[in-house]
Amino acid sequence: MTNWNGKKVIIVGAGRQGLAATRYLVKQRAKVTLTDKKPESEMKPIKEALHGMPVKFVFGAHPLELLEGADALCLSGGVPLTIPLVVEAIKQEIPLTNDSQLFMESVRANVIGITGSAGKTTTTILTGAIAKAALEPKVSVWVGGNIGYPMIEHAGEVKPEDWVVLELSSFQLEQMTISPNVAVILNITPNHLDRHTTMQAYKEAKARILAFQHK
């Protein structure tokens, strides 16, 4: 588990995943800056949601100056790796992370990660239902990730003996450097090529769910 105390983290994207990551990292005593390309005039609900938290806001653009002294860049799912801020972060070898990576680094529970071009939401829900029928009430089963809510919201509640079923998108996987205990790839067919550009890049993003597994 990374010690975030005092680390400067730039969170890119103020959507559901970005807010969840912000709340988690603030609890870990990180120095958090939340940036979004939307203008500040549209960001009042975001500021209200994080009211009272020591968060710096930068709206309307992603200035490269944000990277000065940064220890990590935390990306929401919709943020491509091709925007100048991310390209420069990679050039400076600033680590990339996201809410699912933060979650899997922080918990010791058994994690089943599910990805695929089609059917991953249905399969995640069904797997969660099967696990709950088999395991609860002795242990808890958590279902989330790319569906429902970011699991990082509940990182402090998940016990080591629990099971977690995570839906993982290619957008999340392309930044991740950790694999779930059990990895499922349902299928890979042309999808999100506006983001990944080529089928090869898309397949490589999906394959990262396997890349860091133990024997």
Protein backbone atom coordinates (compact mmCIF):
# COMPACT_ATOMS: atom_id res chain seq x y z
CA MET A 1 0.00 0.00 0.00
CA THR A 2 1.38 3.41 -0.97
CA ASN A 3 1.89 5.90 1.85
CA TRP A 4 0.14 9.00 0.50
CA ASN A 5 0.80 11.16 3.57
CA GLY A 6 2.22 14.47 2.34
CA LYS A 7 2.37 13.36 -1.30
CA LYS A 8 1.21 15.80 -3.96
CA VAL A 9 -1.44 14.16 -6.15
CA ILE A 10 -3.14 15.74 -9.16
CA ILE A 11 -6.58 14.30 -9.84
CA VAL A 12 -7.72 14.83 -13.42
CA GLY A 13 -11.48 14.79 -13.98
CA ALA A 14 -14.10 15.84 -11.43
CA GLY A 15 -16.65 13.13 -12.20
CA ARG A 16 -17.75 10.24 -9.98
CA GLN A 17 -14.33 8.54 -10.01
CA GLY A 18 -12.41 11.76 -9.47
CA LEU A 19 -14.51 12.74 -6.47
CA ALA A 20 -14.15 9.30 -4.92
CA ALA A 21 -10.38 9.38 -5.38
CA THR A 22 -10.24 12.89 -3.93
CA ARG A 23 -12.11 11.91 -0.78
CA TYR A 24 -9.91 8.83 -0.30
CA LEU A 25 -6.61 10.64 -0.82
CA VAL A 26 -7.60 13.50 1.48
CA LYS A 27 -8.24 10.90 4.20
CA GLN A 28 -4.76 9.55 3.48
CA ARG A 29 -3.41 13.11 4.09
CA ALA A 30 -2.24 13.64 0.54
CA LYS A 31 -1.96 17.15 -0.88
CA VAL A 32 -4.71 16.99 -3.48
CA THR A 33 -5.36 19.20 -6.49
CA LEU A 34 -8.51 18.47 -8.49
CA THR A 35 -8.52 19.72 -12.07
CA ASP A 36 -11.23 19.60 -14.73
CA LYS A 37 -11.47 21.20 -18.16
CA LYS A 38 -15.01 22.41 -17.49
CA PRO A 39 -15.25 26.10 -16.54
CA GLU A 40 -15.48 27.09 -12.91
CA SER A 41 -19.01 28.41 -13.49
CA GLU A 42 -20.15 24.77 -13.85
CA MET A 43 -18.22 23.45 -10.87
CA LYS A 44 -20.27 24.74 -7.93
CA PRO A 45 -21.76 21.27 -7.17
CA ILE A 46 -18.25 19.79 -7.12
CA LYS A 47 -17.01 22.38 -4.63
CA GLU A 48 -20.09 21.79 -2.49
CA ALA A 49 -19.51 18.02 -2.53
CA LEU A 50 -15.96 18.54 -1.22
CA HIS A 51 -16.77 21.43 1.10
CA GLY A 52 -14.42 21.69 4.05
CA MET A 53 -11.77 19.42 2.55
CA PRO A 54 -8.23 20.75 1.95
CA VAL A 55 -8.44 20.47 -1.83
CA LYS A 56 -7.03 22.88 -4.40
CA PHE A 57 -9.25 23.37 -7.48
CA VAL A 58 -8.07 24.19 -11.00
CA PHE A 59 -10.93 24.42 -13.49
CA GLY A 60 -11.17 25.41 -17.13
CA ALA A 61 -7.85 23.86 -18.21
CA HIS A 62 -5.08 21.46 -17.21
CA PRO A 63 -1.99 23.73 -17.01
CA LEU A 64 1.34 21.92 -17.15
CA GLU A 65 2.44 23.87 -14.07
CA LEU A 66 0.31 21.45 -12.05
CA LEU A 67 3.04 18.84 -12.47
CA GLU A 68 5.61 20.83 -10.51
CA GLY A 69 6.51 18.67 -7.51
CA ALA A 70 3.76 16.16 -8.28
CA ASP A 71 4.18 12.63 -6.93
CA ALA A 72 1.31 11.08 -8.91
CA LEU A 73 -1.39 11.80 -11.47
CA CYS A 74 -4.76 10.16 -10.78
CA LEU A 75 -6.93 9.92 -13.88
CA SER A 76 -10.69 9.52 -14.16
CA GLY A 77 -11.85 6.93 -16.68
CA GLY A 78 -12.79 9.40 -19.39
CA VAL A 79 -9.40 11.12 -19.44
CA PRO A 80 -7.27 9.96 -22.41
CA LEU A 81 -3.53 9.43 -22.08
CA THR A 82 -2.99 11.75 -25.03
CA ILE A 83 -3.85 15.08 -23.38
CA PRO A 84 -0.78 17.31 -22.89
CA LEU A 85 -0.85 17.07 -19.08
CA VAL A 86 -0.68 13.27 -19.15
CA VAL A 87 1.89 13.17 -21.97
CA GLU A 88 4.14 15.51 -19.99
CA ALA A 89 3.62 13.51 -16.79
CA ILE A 90 4.71 10.33 -18.58
CA LYS A 91 7.73 12.18 -20.00
CA GLN A 92 8.66 13.28 -16.47
CA GLU A 93 8.09 9.72 -15.20
CA ILE A 94 5.36 10.83 -12.80
CA PRO A 95 3.37 7.71 -11.89
CA LEU A 96 -0.22 7.38 -13.17
CA THR A 97 -2.98 5.88 -11.10
CA ASN A 98 -6.79 5.77 -10.89
CA ASP A 99 -9.51 4.96 -8.39
CA SER A 100 -9.48 1.21 -9.06
CA GLN A 101 -5.71 1.03 -8.71
CA LEU A 102 -5.92 2.95 -5.43
CA PHE A 103 -8.54 0.50 -4.20
CA MET A 104 -6.63 -2.64 -5.12
CA GLU A 105 -3.46 -1.27 -3.52
CA SER A 106 -5.29 -0.52 -0.27
CA VAL A 107 -7.30 -3.72 0.34
CA ARG A 108 -6.23 -7.25 1.23
CA ALA A 109 -9.49 -8.90 0.22
CA ASN A 110 -9.85 -11.35 -2.67
CA VAL A 111 -10.59 -9.39 -5.84
CA ILE A 112 -12.22 -10.77 -8.98
CA GLY A 113 -11.65 -8.37 -11.88
CA ILE A 114 -13.85 -8.66 -14.96
CA THR A 115 -13.31 -6.99 -18.31
CA GLY A 116 -14.44 -7.46 -21.91
CA SER A 117 -15.79 -5.58 -24.88
CA ALA A 118 -19.34 -6.73 -24.20
CA GLY A 119 -21.16 -8.38 -21.31
CA LYS A 120 -18.87 -7.31 -18.48
CA THR A 121 -21.56 -5.48 -16.53
CA THR A 122 -23.96 -8.44 -16.70
CA THR A 123 -21.18 -10.87 -15.79
CA THR A 124 -20.02 -8.70 -12.89
CA ILE A 125 -23.57 -8.52 -11.48
CA LEU A 126 -24.09 -12.28 -11.89
CA THR A 127 -20.71 -13.12 -10.35
CA GLY A 128 -21.50 -10.86 -7.41
CA ALA A 129 -24.88 -12.55 -6.95
CA ILE A 130 -23.31 -16.02 -7.05
CA ALA A 131 -20.64 -15.00 -4.55
CA LYS A 132 -23.20 -13.46 -2.21
CA ALA A 133 -25.36 -16.61 -2.33
CA ALA A 134 -22.32 -18.77 -1.54
CA LEU A 135 -20.49 -16.62 1.01
CA GLU A 136 -22.80 -14.25 2.85
CA PRO A 137 -23.51 -13.72 5.74
CA LYS A 138 -20.17 -15.20 6.89
CA VAL A 139 -18.20 -12.73 4.79
CA SER A 140 -19.24 -9.68 2.80
CA VAL A 141 -19.25 -9.48 -1.00
CA TRP A 142 -18.70 -6.08 -2.62
CA VAL A 143 -19.64 -5.31 -6.23
CA GLY A 144 -18.55 -2.14 -8.01
CA GLY A 145 -15.81 -0.56 -10.08
CA ASN A 146 -16.85 0.62 -13.51
CA ILE A 147 -20.48 -0.01 -12.53
CA GLY A 148 -22.42 1.28 -9.57
CA TYR A 149 -19.92 3.23 -7.54
CA PRO A 150 -16.13 3.42 -7.26
CA MET A 151 -15.04 0.85 -4.69
CA ILE A 152 -12.45 3.26 -3.29
CA GLU A 153 -15.38 4.86 -1.44
CA HIS A 154 -15.50 1.72 0.75
CA ALA A 155 -11.83 0.82 1.01
CA GLY A 156 -11.82 1.28 4.78
CA GLU A 157 -14.81 -1.05 5.23
CA VAL A 158 -13.59 -4.05 3.22
CA LYS A 159 -12.14 -6.79 5.45
CA PRO A 160 -9.33 -9.15 4.37
CA GLU A 161 -11.70 -12.14 4.34
CA ASP A 162 -14.23 -10.38 2.09
CA TRP A 163 -14.61 -10.84 -1.67
CA VAL A 164 -14.78 -8.00 -4.19
CA VAL A 165 -16.12 -8.23 -7.75
CA LEU A 166 -14.85 -5.36 -9.91
CA GLU A 167 -15.83 -4.38 -13.42
CA LEU A 168 -12.75 -2.91 -15.08
CA SER A 169 -12.78 -0.94 -18.33
CA SER A 170 -9.93 -0.62 -20.80
CA PHE A 171 -9.73 3.04 -19.78
CA GLN A 172 -8.91 2.01 -16.22
CA LEU A 173 -6.68 -0.92 -17.13
CA GLU A 174 -4.33 1.01 -19.40
CA GLN A 175 -2.92 2.86 -16.36
CA MET A 176 -2.89 0.03 -13.84
CA THR A 177 0.18 -1.71 -12.42
CA ILE A 178 -1.63 -4.25 -10.26
CA SER A 179 -3.80 -7.24 -11.17
CA PRO A 180 -6.77 -8.75 -9.33
CA ASN A 181 -6.42 -12.16 -7.68
CA VAL A 182 -8.77 -13.58 -10.30
CA ALA A 183 -8.84 -11.97 -13.75
CA VAL A 184 -11.59 -12.54 -16.31
CA ILE A 185 -11.46 -11.45 -19.95
CA LEU A 186 -14.81 -12.22 -21.58
CA ASN A 187 -14.10 -11.16 -25.16
CA ILE A 188 -12.20 -8.59 -27.18
CA THR A 189 -13.90 -7.11 -30.22
CA PRO A 190 -13.46 -3.65 -31.82
CA ASN A 191 -14.55 -1.03 -29.28
CA HIS A 192 -13.46 2.41 -28.05
CA LEU A 193 -11.11 2.81 -31.01
CA ASP A 194 -11.77 6.56 -30.90
CA ARG A 195 -9.86 6.45 -27.60
CA HIS A 196 -7.31 3.69 -28.23
CA THR A 197 -6.79 4.47 -31.94
CA THR A 198 -5.78 0.93 -32.94
CA MET A 199 -7.08 -2.53 -32.15
CA GLN A 200 -3.61 -3.51 -30.96
CA ALA A 201 -3.56 -0.70 -28.39
CA TYR A 202 -7.05 -1.70 -27.23
CA LYS A 203 -5.99 -5.34 -26.81
CA GLU A 204 -2.89 -4.30 -24.90
CA ALA A 205 -5.01 -2.23 -22.51
CA LYS A 206 -7.30 -5.21 -21.86
CA ALA A 207 -4.32 -7.57 -21.41
CA ARG A 208 -3.02 -5.48 -18.51
CA ILE A 209 -5.60 -7.17 -16.27
CA LEU A 210 -3.29 -10.23 -16.46
CA ALA A 211 0.07 -8.51 -16.58
CA PHE A 212 0.78 -8.24 -12.85
CA GLN A 213 -0.74 -11.42 -11.46
CA HIS A 214 1.20 -13.74 -9.16
CA LYS A 215 1.67 -17.39 -10.03
